[in-house]
Amino acid sequence: MGNNGRMTRSTTVRAARLDQVCAAAVEVARSGITEVDDADVGEHLTAVAEGERLVTHLFECLLAGYRGWRWAVTVTRVARSKQVTVCETVLLPGPDALLAPSWLPWQERLQPGDLGVGDLMPTPEDDERLAPGYLLSDDPAVEETAWELGLGRPRVLSREGRMDTAQRWYDGDHGPAAPISMAAPRPARCGSCGFYLPLAGSMRQIFGVCGNYYAPDDGRAVSADHGCGAHSETLTAPPEVPVEELPTIYDDSAVEAVSVSRPAGSVEADEPAEPYGHS
């Protein structure tokens, strides 16, 4: 009975009952696999009830390159008839089958470095990394360059685009966790290097471009806490001091104690003599 006082009938879904006549027609189902040789069809695995007098037989597939796949042959019969007929035959992957990766559009399959000479990669119109150039930006550097020479760029980096770029650069090979940065001396950070050229706008706070010809990151954007062995101050060697200008070092272990005499008639004459160091 429902909440409104009326009687309600519960609906239950019953699983299909396996038809024994169709389930026993293993050889009939096997004969329905005509696309390949008999040697490519393995042993019978199971029979599954699909509906009333409708059964699918599964056979092992022995085709090269189809490990874990199964031949599926669906058979049926009419009511009160013992004659079984084949409905369809398909090749289906099993739970352990080798499957190709899910299909992705080409623009989603591209990785950094895939774009070669002459290749074109259109940018979607709704790319969230970009914003129309006529919109005001929260980055002063974008506002200064958005309308250069009165022409302007149709789209500029949006806030999401800048954050995504900053995170990718920081986590990449030119951030603080890069192997070359971890192996560099602790003070050798890009932010204190004379070859470090800070970027403009909000990216200036953490990123710049390396301008050191000998550095592996030359011409690339690096984080301020990135580092390498080509730091401008690391290359400065300590000045050499000539030997003759070095401070003199005395050997106190060679000091000899001697007695000092007092002049006759002096106040110190009545006091005992004191030792005096003499080397």
C-alpha atoms as a PDB file:
ATOM      1  CA  MET A   1       0.000   0.000   0.000  1.00  0.00           C
ATOM      2  CA  GLY A   2       1.357   3.438  -0.964  1.00  0.00           C
ATOM      3  CA  ASN A   3       1.385   6.666   1.033  1.00  0.00           C
ATOM      4  CA  ASN A   4      -1.903   7.755  -0.552  1.00  0.00           C
ATOM      5  CA  GLY A   5      -3.734   4.664   0.738  1.00  0.00           C
ATOM      6  CA  ARG A   6      -3.961   2.922  -2.645  1.00  0.00           C
ATOM      7  CA  MET A   7      -2.693  -0.543  -3.334  1.00  0.00           C
ATOM      8  CA  THR A   8       0.531  -0.577  -5.395  1.00  0.00           C
ATOM      9  CA  ARG A   9       2.061  -3.526  -7.220  1.00  0.00           C
ATOM     10  CA  SER A  10       5.803  -4.003  -6.936  1.00  0.00           C
ATOM     11  CA  THR A  11       7.615  -4.698 -10.187  1.00  0.00           C
ATOM     12  CA  THR A  12      10.348  -7.304 -10.138  1.00  0.00           C
ATOM     13  CA  VAL A  13      12.690  -8.174 -12.973  1.00  0.00           C
ATOM     14  CA  ARG A  14      13.370 -11.865 -13.300  1.00  0.00           C
ATOM     15  CA  ALA A  15      16.496 -13.221 -14.899  1.00  0.00           C
ATOM     16  CA  ALA A  16      16.003 -15.095 -18.154  1.00  0.00           C
ATOM     17  CA  ARG A  17      15.790 -18.872 -17.734  1.00  0.00           C
ATOM     18  CA  LEU A  18      18.339 -20.900 -19.667  1.00  0.00           C
ATOM     19  CA  ASP A  19      16.615 -22.840 -22.419  1.00  0.00           C
ATOM     20  CA  GLN A  20      17.964 -26.379 -22.227  1.00  0.00           C
ATOM     21  CA  VAL A  21      17.442 -27.176 -25.910  1.00  0.00           C
ATOM     22  CA  CYS A  22      19.355 -24.106 -27.035  1.00  0.00           C
ATOM     23  CA  ALA A  23      22.008 -24.651 -24.370  1.00  0.00           C
ATOM     24  CA  ALA A  24      22.637 -28.177 -25.671  1.00  0.00           C
ATOM     25  CA  ALA A  25      23.137 -27.001 -29.258  1.00  0.00           C
ATOM     26  CA  VAL A  26      26.894 -26.459 -28.828  1.00  0.00           C
ATOM     27  CA  GLU A  27      27.847 -27.943 -32.207  1.00  0.00           C
ATOM     28  CA  VAL A  28      25.151 -25.954 -33.976  1.00  0.00           C
ATOM     29  CA  ALA A  29      26.617 -22.776 -32.470  1.00  0.00           C
ATOM     30  CA  ARG A  30      30.150 -23.834 -33.399  1.00  0.00           C
ATOM     31  CA  SER A  31      29.113 -24.411 -37.008  1.00  0.00           C
ATOM     32  CA  GLY A  32      27.871 -20.822 -37.119  1.00  0.00           C
ATOM     33  CA  ILE A  33      31.463 -19.529 -36.884  1.00  0.00           C
ATOM     34  CA  THR A  34      32.270 -19.509 -40.602  1.00  0.00           C
ATOM     35  CA  GLU A  35      34.610 -16.480 -40.793  1.00  0.00           C
ATOM     36  CA  VAL A  36      37.740 -18.435 -39.751  1.00  0.00           C
ATOM     37  CA  ASP A  37      39.205 -21.922 -39.853  1.00  0.00           C
ATOM     38  CA  ASP A  38      38.089 -24.520 -37.335  1.00  0.00           C
ATOM     39  CA  ALA A  39      41.553 -24.443 -35.776  1.00  0.00           C
ATOM     40  CA  ASP A  40      40.973 -20.843 -34.647  1.00  0.00           C
ATOM     41  CA  VAL A  41      37.929 -21.811 -32.558  1.00  0.00           C
ATOM     42  CA  GLY A  42      38.799 -23.222 -29.139  1.00  0.00           C
ATOM     43  CA  GLU A  43      36.812 -25.052 -26.537  1.00  0.00           C
ATOM     44  CA  HIS A  44      33.282 -24.194 -25.454  1.00  0.00           C
ATOM     45  CA  LEU A  45      33.371 -21.908 -22.420  1.00  0.00           C
ATOM     46  CA  THR A  46      29.775 -21.321 -21.311  1.00  0.00           C
ATOM     47  CA  ALA A  47      26.192 -20.672 -22.361  1.00  0.00           C
ATOM     48  CA  VAL A  48      24.366 -17.525 -21.258  1.00  0.00           C
ATOM     49  CA  ALA A  49      20.598 -16.971 -21.319  1.00  0.00           C
ATOM     50  CA  GLU A  50      19.736 -13.779 -23.182  1.00  0.00           C
ATOM     51  CA  GLY A  51      15.965 -14.125 -23.179  1.00  0.00           C
ATOM     52  CA  GLU A  52      13.178 -16.631 -23.666  1.00  0.00           C
ATOM     53  CA  ARG A  53      14.576 -19.433 -25.866  1.00  0.00           C
ATOM     54  CA  LEU A  54      17.555 -17.218 -26.678  1.00  0.00           C
ATOM     55  CA  VAL A  55      21.032 -18.414 -25.652  1.00  0.00           C
ATOM     56  CA  THR A  56      24.568 -17.177 -26.414  1.00  0.00           C
ATOM     57  CA  HIS A  57      27.384 -19.719 -26.593  1.00  0.00           C
ATOM     58  CA  LEU A  58      30.928 -18.521 -25.884  1.00  0.00           C
ATOM     59  CA  PHE A  59      33.957 -20.213 -27.444  1.00  0.00           C
ATOM     60  CA  GLU A  60      37.656 -19.580 -26.920  1.00  0.00           C
ATOM     61  CA  CYS A  61      39.309 -17.583 -29.730  1.00  0.00           C
ATOM     62  CA  LEU A  62      42.678 -18.899 -30.937  1.00  0.00           C
ATOM     63  CA  LEU A  63      43.362 -16.205 -33.534  1.00  0.00           C
ATOM     64  CA  ALA A  64      46.835 -14.678 -33.310  1.00  0.00           C
ATOM     65  CA  GLY A  65      46.705 -11.274 -31.643  1.00  0.00           C
ATOM     66  CA  TYR A  66      43.302 -11.903 -30.002  1.00  0.00           C
ATOM     67  CA  ARG A  67      44.379 -13.373 -26.689  1.00  0.00           C
ATOM     68  CA  GLY A  68      41.501 -13.336 -24.210  1.00  0.00           C
ATOM     69  CA  TRP A  69      38.825 -12.763 -26.874  1.00  0.00           C
ATOM     70  CA  ARG A  70      35.804 -15.054 -27.309  1.00  0.00           C
ATOM     71  CA  TRP A  71      33.496 -16.094 -30.117  1.00  0.00           C
ATOM     72  CA  ALA A  72      29.882 -15.364 -29.167  1.00  0.00           C
ATOM     73  CA  VAL A  73      27.195 -17.264 -31.104  1.00  0.00           C
ATOM     74  CA  THR A  74      23.547 -16.553 -30.302  1.00  0.00           C
ATOM     75  CA  VAL A  75      21.009 -19.299 -31.084  1.00  0.00           C
ATOM     76  CA  THR A  76      17.257 -19.547 -30.716  1.00  0.00           C
ATOM     77  CA  ARG A  77      14.256 -21.750 -31.498  1.00  0.00           C
ATOM     78  CA  VAL A  78      10.524 -21.294 -31.916  1.00  0.00           C
ATOM     79  CA  ALA A  79       8.087 -22.477 -29.303  1.00  0.00           C
ATOM     80  CA  ARG A  80       7.498 -26.274 -29.150  1.00  0.00           C
ATOM     81  CA  SER A  81      10.272 -26.894 -31.710  1.00  0.00           C
ATOM     82  CA  LYS A  82      13.509 -28.789 -31.213  1.00  0.00           C
ATOM     83  CA  GLN A  83      15.264 -27.178 -34.183  1.00  0.00           C
ATOM     84  CA  VAL A  84      17.827 -24.570 -33.165  1.00  0.00           C
ATOM     85  CA  THR A  85      19.000 -21.832 -35.563  1.00  0.00           C
ATOM     86  CA  VAL A  86      21.884 -19.364 -35.405  1.00  0.00           C
ATOM     87  CA  CYS A  87      20.985 -15.674 -35.000  1.00  0.00           C
ATOM     88  CA  GLU A  88      24.382 -13.942 -35.074  1.00  0.00           C
ATOM     89  CA  THR A  89      28.084 -14.527 -34.566  1.00  0.00           C
ATOM     90  CA  VAL A  90      30.449 -11.910 -33.140  1.00  0.00           C
ATOM     91  CA  LEU A  91      33.922 -11.700 -31.631  1.00  0.00           C
ATOM     92  CA  LEU A  92      33.861 -10.143 -28.158  1.00  0.00           C
ATOM     93  CA  PRO A  93      36.636  -9.256 -25.691  1.00  0.00           C
ATOM     94  CA  GLY A  94      36.814 -11.276 -22.503  1.00  0.00           C
ATOM     95  CA  PRO A  95      37.808  -9.990 -19.066  1.00  0.00           C
ATOM     96  CA  ASP A  96      41.513 -10.611 -19.822  1.00  0.00           C
ATOM     97  CA  ALA A  97      41.463  -9.484 -23.464  1.00  0.00           C
ATOM     98  CA  LEU A  98      44.063  -7.136 -24.901  1.00  0.00           C
ATOM     99  CA  LEU A  99      42.240  -3.957 -25.923  1.00  0.00           C
ATOM    100  CA  ALA A 100      43.373  -0.883 -27.781  1.00  0.00           C
ATOM    101  CA  PRO A 101      43.393   2.382 -25.803  1.00  0.00           C
ATOM    102  CA  SER A 102      40.225   4.439 -25.861  1.00  0.00           C
ATOM    103  CA  TRP A 103      40.042   6.693 -28.880  1.00  0.00           C
ATOM    104  CA  LEU A 104      40.959  10.325 -28.316  1.00  0.00           C
ATOM    105  CA  PRO A 105      40.706  13.262 -30.720  1.00  0.00           C
ATOM    106  CA  TRP A 106      44.037  14.101 -32.288  1.00  0.00           C
ATOM    107  CA  GLN A 107      44.309  17.430 -30.485  1.00  0.00           C
ATOM    108  CA  GLU A 108      44.072  15.577 -27.152  1.00  0.00           C
ATOM    109  CA  ARG A 109      46.664  12.987 -28.149  1.00  0.00           C
ATOM    110  CA  LEU A 110      49.338  15.590 -28.907  1.00  0.00           C
ATOM    111  CA  GLN A 111      52.170  15.946 -26.440  1.00  0.00           C
ATOM    112  CA  PRO A 112      54.751  18.718 -26.036  1.00  0.00           C
ATOM    113  CA  GLY A 113      57.332  18.348 -28.770  1.00  0.00           C
ATOM    114  CA  ASP A 114      55.023  16.556 -31.243  1.00  0.00           C
ATOM    115  CA  LEU A 115      54.483  19.661 -33.362  1.00  0.00           C
ATOM    116  CA  GLY A 116      57.007  19.642 -36.195  1.00  0.00           C
ATOM    117  CA  VAL A 117      58.018  21.918 -39.038  1.00  0.00           C
ATOM    118  CA  GLY A 118      55.018  22.702 -41.242  1.00  0.00           C
ATOM    119  CA  ASP A 119      52.457  21.234 -38.802  1.00  0.00           C
ATOM    120  CA  LEU A 120      49.367  23.238 -37.851  1.00  0.00           C
ATOM    121  CA  MET A 121      47.474  22.902 -34.569  1.00  0.00           C
ATOM    122  CA  PRO A 122      44.284  25.020 -34.505  1.00  0.00           C
ATOM    123  CA  THR A 123      43.316  26.432 -31.110  1.00  0.00           C
ATOM    124  CA  PRO A 124      39.657  25.904 -30.103  1.00  0.00           C
ATOM    125  CA  GLU A 125      37.541  29.041 -29.980  1.00  0.00           C
ATOM    126  CA  ASP A 126      36.377  28.185 -26.454  1.00  0.00           C
ATOM    127  CA  ASP A 127      39.882  27.504 -25.092  1.00  0.00           C
ATOM    128  CA  GLU A 128      39.712  28.549 -21.435  1.00  0.00           C
ATOM    129  CA  ARG A 129      43.413  29.440 -21.482  1.00  0.00           C
ATOM    130  CA  LEU A 130      42.654  32.430 -23.700  1.00  0.00           C
ATOM    131  CA  ALA A 131      40.444  35.486 -23.302  1.00  0.00           C
ATOM    132  CA  PRO A 132      39.354  38.089 -25.876  1.00  0.00           C
ATOM    133  CA  GLY A 133      41.876  40.874 -26.257  1.00  0.00           C
ATOM    134  CA  TYR A 134      39.269  43.594 -25.704  1.00  0.00           C
ATOM    135  CA  LEU A 135      38.542  42.395 -22.161  1.00  0.00           C
ATOM    136  CA  LEU A 136      40.337  44.043 -19.273  1.00  0.00           C
ATOM    137  CA  SER A 137      42.962  41.809 -17.717  1.00  0.00           C
ATOM    138  CA  ASP A 138      44.130  41.604 -14.119  1.00  0.00           C
ATOM    139  CA  ASP A 139      47.712  41.561 -15.388  1.00  0.00           C
ATOM    140  CA  PRO A 140      49.181  45.041 -16.091  1.00  0.00           C
ATOM    141  CA  ALA A 141      51.667  43.599 -18.569  1.00  0.00           C
ATOM    142  CA  VAL A 142      48.818  42.219 -20.653  1.00  0.00           C
ATOM    143  CA  GLU A 143      47.102  45.601 -20.685  1.00  0.00           C
ATOM    144  CA  GLU A 144      50.300  47.333 -21.827  1.00  0.00           C
ATOM    145  CA  THR A 145      50.786  45.014 -24.794  1.00  0.00           C
ATOM    146  CA  ALA A 146      47.199  44.124 -25.679  1.00  0.00           C
ATOM    147  CA  TRP A 147      46.821  47.083 -28.038  1.00  0.00           C
ATOM    148  CA  GLU A 148      50.351  47.653 -29.254  1.00  0.00           C
ATOM    149  CA  LEU A 149      50.508  49.930 -32.305  1.00  0.00           C
ATOM    150  CA  GLY A 150      46.731  50.218 -32.194  1.00  0.00           C
ATOM    151  CA  LEU A 151      46.323  46.744 -33.664  1.00  0.00           C
ATOM    152  CA  GLY A 152      45.989  44.446 -30.688  1.00  0.00           C
ATOM    153  CA  ARG A 153      45.839  40.668 -30.422  1.00  0.00           C
ATOM    154  CA  PRO A 154      42.472  38.937 -30.828  1.00  0.00           C
ATOM    155  CA  ARG A 155      43.083  36.834 -27.716  1.00  0.00           C
ATOM    156  CA  VAL A 156      45.478  36.959 -24.777  1.00  0.00           C
ATOM    157  CA  LEU A 157      46.252  34.629 -21.899  1.00  0.00           C
ATOM    158  CA  SER A 158      43.431  34.414 -19.383  1.00  0.00           C
ATOM    159  CA  ARG A 159      43.967  34.019 -15.654  1.00  0.00           C
ATOM    160  CA  GLU A 160      43.402  30.266 -15.981  1.00  0.00           C
ATOM    161  CA  GLY A 161      45.901  30.154 -18.827  1.00  0.00           C
ATOM    162  CA  ARG A 162      48.582  31.945 -16.816  1.00  0.00           C
ATOM    163  CA  MET A 163      48.046  29.735 -13.780  1.00  0.00           C
ATOM    164  CA  ASP A 164      48.208  26.599 -15.903  1.00  0.00           C
ATOM    165  CA  THR A 165      51.394  27.810 -17.594  1.00  0.00           C
ATOM    166  CA  ALA A 166      53.027  28.797 -14.318  1.00  0.00           C
ATOM    167  CA  GLN A 167      52.260  25.441 -12.708  1.00  0.00           C
ATOM    168  CA  ARG A 168      53.526  23.521 -15.738  1.00  0.00           C
ATOM    169  CA  TRP A 169      56.783  25.497 -15.836  1.00  0.00           C
ATOM    170  CA  TYR A 170      57.306  25.209 -12.088  1.00  0.00           C
ATOM    171  CA  ASP A 171      56.788  21.429 -12.072  1.00  0.00           C
ATOM    172  CA  GLY A 172      58.876  20.884 -15.212  1.00  0.00           C
ATOM    173  CA  ASP A 173      62.567  20.628 -16.035  1.00  0.00           C
ATOM    174  CA  HIS A 174      63.178  24.329 -15.326  1.00  0.00           C
ATOM    175  CA  GLY A 175      61.733  24.462 -11.817  1.00  0.00           C
ATOM    176  CA  PRO A 176      63.269  23.869  -8.366  1.00  0.00           C
ATOM    177  CA  ALA A 177      62.745  20.088  -8.476  1.00  0.00           C
ATOM    178  CA  ALA A 178      64.747  19.550 -11.678  1.00  0.00           C
ATOM    179  CA  PRO A 179      67.784  17.234 -11.218  1.00  0.00           C
ATOM    180  CA  ILE A 180      70.239  19.951 -12.276  1.00  0.00           C
ATOM    181  CA  SER A 181      68.684  22.342  -9.753  1.00  0.00           C
ATOM    182  CA  MET A 182      68.832  19.795  -6.932  1.00  0.00           C
ATOM    183  CA  ALA A 183      72.526  19.136  -7.649  1.00  0.00           C
ATOM    184  CA  ALA A 184      73.483  22.829  -7.771  1.00  0.00           C
ATOM    185  CA  PRO A 185      74.893  24.632  -4.698  1.00  0.00           C
ATOM    186  CA  ARG A 186      72.192  25.963  -2.431  1.00  0.00           C
ATOM    187  CA  PRO A 187      73.030  29.672  -3.020  1.00  0.00           C
ATOM    188  CA  ALA A 188      73.158  29.168  -6.810  1.00  0.00           C
ATOM    189  CA  ARG A 189      69.535  30.155  -7.481  1.00  0.00           C
ATOM    190  CA  CYS A 190      68.397  31.890 -10.665  1.00  0.00           C
ATOM    191  CA  GLY A 191      66.776  34.772  -8.802  1.00  0.00           C
ATOM    192  CA  SER A 192      70.207  35.950  -7.595  1.00  0.00           C
ATOM    193  CA  CYS A 193      72.035  35.257 -10.870  1.00  0.00           C
ATOM    194  CA  GLY A 194      73.230  38.142 -13.031  1.00  0.00           C
ATOM    195  CA  PHE A 195      72.097  36.318 -16.173  1.00  0.00           C
ATOM    196  CA  TYR A 196      68.484  36.101 -14.942  1.00  0.00           C
ATOM    197  CA  LEU A 197      66.044  38.240 -16.985  1.00  0.00           C
ATOM    198  CA  PRO A 198      62.713  38.579 -15.088  1.00  0.00           C
ATOM    199  CA  LEU A 199      59.487  38.338 -17.056  1.00  0.00           C
ATOM    200  CA  ALA A 200      56.922  41.135 -17.099  1.00  0.00           C
ATOM    201  CA  GLY A 201      53.577  41.294 -15.327  1.00  0.00           C
ATOM    202  CA  SER A 202      52.402  38.852 -12.691  1.00  0.00           C
ATOM    203  CA  MET A 203      54.764  36.136 -13.982  1.00  0.00           C
ATOM    204  CA  ARG A 204      57.690  38.344 -12.950  1.00  0.00           C
ATOM    205  CA  GLN A 205      57.250  37.305  -9.335  1.00  0.00           C
ATOM    206  CA  ILE A 206      58.587  33.805  -9.916  1.00  0.00           C
ATOM    207  CA  PHE A 207      59.768  33.418 -13.535  1.00  0.00           C
ATOM    208  CA  GLY A 208      62.431  34.824 -15.805  1.00  0.00           C
ATOM    209  CA  VAL A 209      64.532  33.838 -18.808  1.00  0.00           C
ATOM    210  CA  CYS A 210      68.068  32.512 -18.536  1.00  0.00           C
ATOM    211  CA  GLY A 211      70.562  34.558 -20.565  1.00  0.00           C
ATOM    212  CA  ASN A 212      73.719  32.591 -19.786  1.00  0.00           C
ATOM    213  CA  TYR A 213      75.345  31.216 -22.946  1.00  0.00           C
ATOM    214  CA  TYR A 214      76.976  28.376 -20.973  1.00  0.00           C
ATOM    215  CA  ALA A 215      73.896  27.365 -18.960  1.00  0.00           C
ATOM    216  CA  PRO A 216      71.736  24.434 -20.139  1.00  0.00           C
ATOM    217  CA  ASP A 217      68.620  26.608 -19.666  1.00  0.00           C
ATOM    218  CA  ASP A 218      69.861  29.430 -21.927  1.00  0.00           C
ATOM    219  CA  GLY A 219      66.896  31.100 -23.653  1.00  0.00           C
ATOM    220  CA  ARG A 220      64.324  29.229 -21.555  1.00  0.00           C
ATOM    221  CA  ALA A 221      61.911  30.352 -18.856  1.00  0.00           C
ATOM    222  CA  VAL A 222      63.132  29.295 -15.411  1.00  0.00           C
ATOM    223  CA  SER A 223      61.764  29.757 -11.922  1.00  0.00           C
ATOM    224  CA  ALA A 224      63.536  32.105  -9.539  1.00  0.00           C
ATOM    225  CA  ASP A 225      64.357  29.171  -7.232  1.00  0.00           C
ATOM    226  CA  HIS A 226      65.750  27.053 -10.070  1.00  0.00           C
ATOM    227  CA  GLY A 227      69.514  26.724 -10.160  1.00  0.00           C
ATOM    228  CA  CYS A 228      72.551  25.307 -11.921  1.00  0.00           C
ATOM    229  CA  GLY A 229      76.328  25.322 -11.720  1.00  0.00           C
ATOM    230  CA  ALA A 230      76.646  28.234 -14.163  1.00  0.00           C
ATOM    231  CA  HIS A 231      75.440  30.816 -11.624  1.00  0.00           C
ATOM    232  CA  SER A 232      77.070  34.203 -12.191  1.00  0.00           C
ATOM    233  CA  GLU A 233      78.604  34.310  -8.701  1.00  0.00           C
ATOM    234  CA  THR A 234      79.698  30.682  -8.756  1.00  0.00           C
ATOM    235  CA  LEU A 235      82.086  31.473 -11.619  1.00  0.00           C
ATOM    236  CA  THR A 236      83.913  34.083  -9.507  1.00  0.00           C
ATOM    237  CA  ALA A 237      87.098  32.569  -8.036  1.00  0.00           C
ATOM    238  CA  PRO A 238      88.559  33.891  -4.737  1.00  0.00           C
ATOM    239  CA  PRO A 239      91.497  36.329  -5.264  1.00  0.00           C
ATOM    240  CA  GLU A 240      94.977  34.842  -4.971  1.00  0.00           C
ATOM    241  CA  VAL A 241      97.165  36.402  -2.200  1.00  0.00           C
ATOM    242  CA  PRO A 242     100.977  36.362  -2.655  1.00  0.00           C
ATOM    243  CA  VAL A 243     102.889  34.321  -0.074  1.00  0.00           C
ATOM    244  CA  GLU A 244     104.903  37.322   1.109  1.00  0.00           C
ATOM    245  CA  GLU A 245     101.667  39.151   1.988  1.00  0.00           C
ATOM    246  CA  LEU A 246     100.282  36.372   4.140  1.00  0.00           C
ATOM    247  CA  PRO A 247     100.174  37.152   7.927  1.00  0.00           C
ATOM    248  CA  THR A 248     103.144  35.935  10.031  1.00  0.00           C
ATOM    249  CA  ILE A 249     102.434  32.979  12.297  1.00  0.00           C
ATOM    250  CA  TYR A 250     104.422  32.650  15.561  1.00  0.00           C
ATOM    251  CA  ASP A 251     105.276  29.342  17.202  1.00  0.00           C
ATOM    252  CA  ASP A 252     104.555  29.744  20.937  1.00  0.00           C
ATOM    253  CA  SER A 253     106.052  26.341  21.741  1.00  0.00           C
ATOM    254  CA  ALA A 254     109.604  27.755  21.235  1.00  0.00           C
ATOM    255  CA  VAL A 255     109.286  30.480  23.968  1.00  0.00           C
ATOM    256  CA  GLU A 256     112.064  30.294  26.622  1.00  0.00           C
ATOM    257  CA  ALA A 257     111.700  31.754  30.144  1.00  0.00           C
ATOM    258  CA  VAL A 258     114.618  34.038  31.280  1.00  0.00           C
ATOM    259  CA  SER A 259     115.189  36.195  34.420  1.00  0.00           C
ATOM    260  CA  VAL A 260     115.102  40.003  34.175  1.00  0.00           C
ATOM    261  CA  SER A 261     117.433  41.957  36.530  1.00  0.00           C
ATOM    262  CA  ARG A 262     116.350  45.153  38.381  1.00  0.00           C
ATOM    263  CA  PRO A 263     118.545  48.285  38.484  1.00  0.00           C
ATOM    264  CA  ALA A 264     120.197  48.966  41.883  1.00  0.00           C
ATOM    265  CA  GLY A 265     118.270  51.405  44.060  1.00  0.00           C
ATOM    266  CA  SER A 266     114.976  50.956  42.150  1.00  0.00           C
ATOM    267  CA  VAL A 267     111.687  50.198  43.863  1.00  0.00           C
ATOM    268  CA  GLU A 268     111.491  46.812  42.112  1.00  0.00           C
ATOM    269  CA  ALA A 269     115.000  45.867  43.329  1.00  0.00           C
ATOM    270  CA  ASP A 270     113.631  44.362  46.572  1.00  0.00           C
ATOM    271  CA  GLU A 271     111.058  42.248  44.632  1.00  0.00           C
ATOM    272  CA  PRO A 272     111.912  38.817  43.249  1.00  0.00           C
ATOM    273  CA  ALA A 273     112.872  38.652  39.560  1.00  0.00           C
ATOM    274  CA  GLU A 274     110.083  37.833  37.098  1.00  0.00           C
ATOM    275  CA  PRO A 275     110.532  35.518  34.126  1.00  0.00           C
ATOM    276  CA  TYR A 276     110.414  37.131  30.687  1.00  0.00           C
ATOM    277  CA  GLY A 277     109.518  35.327  27.559  1.00  0.00           C
ATOM    278  CA  HIS A 278     112.338  35.131  24.984  1.00  0.00           C
ATOM    279  CA  SER A 279     112.321  33.131  21.834  1.00  0.00           C
END
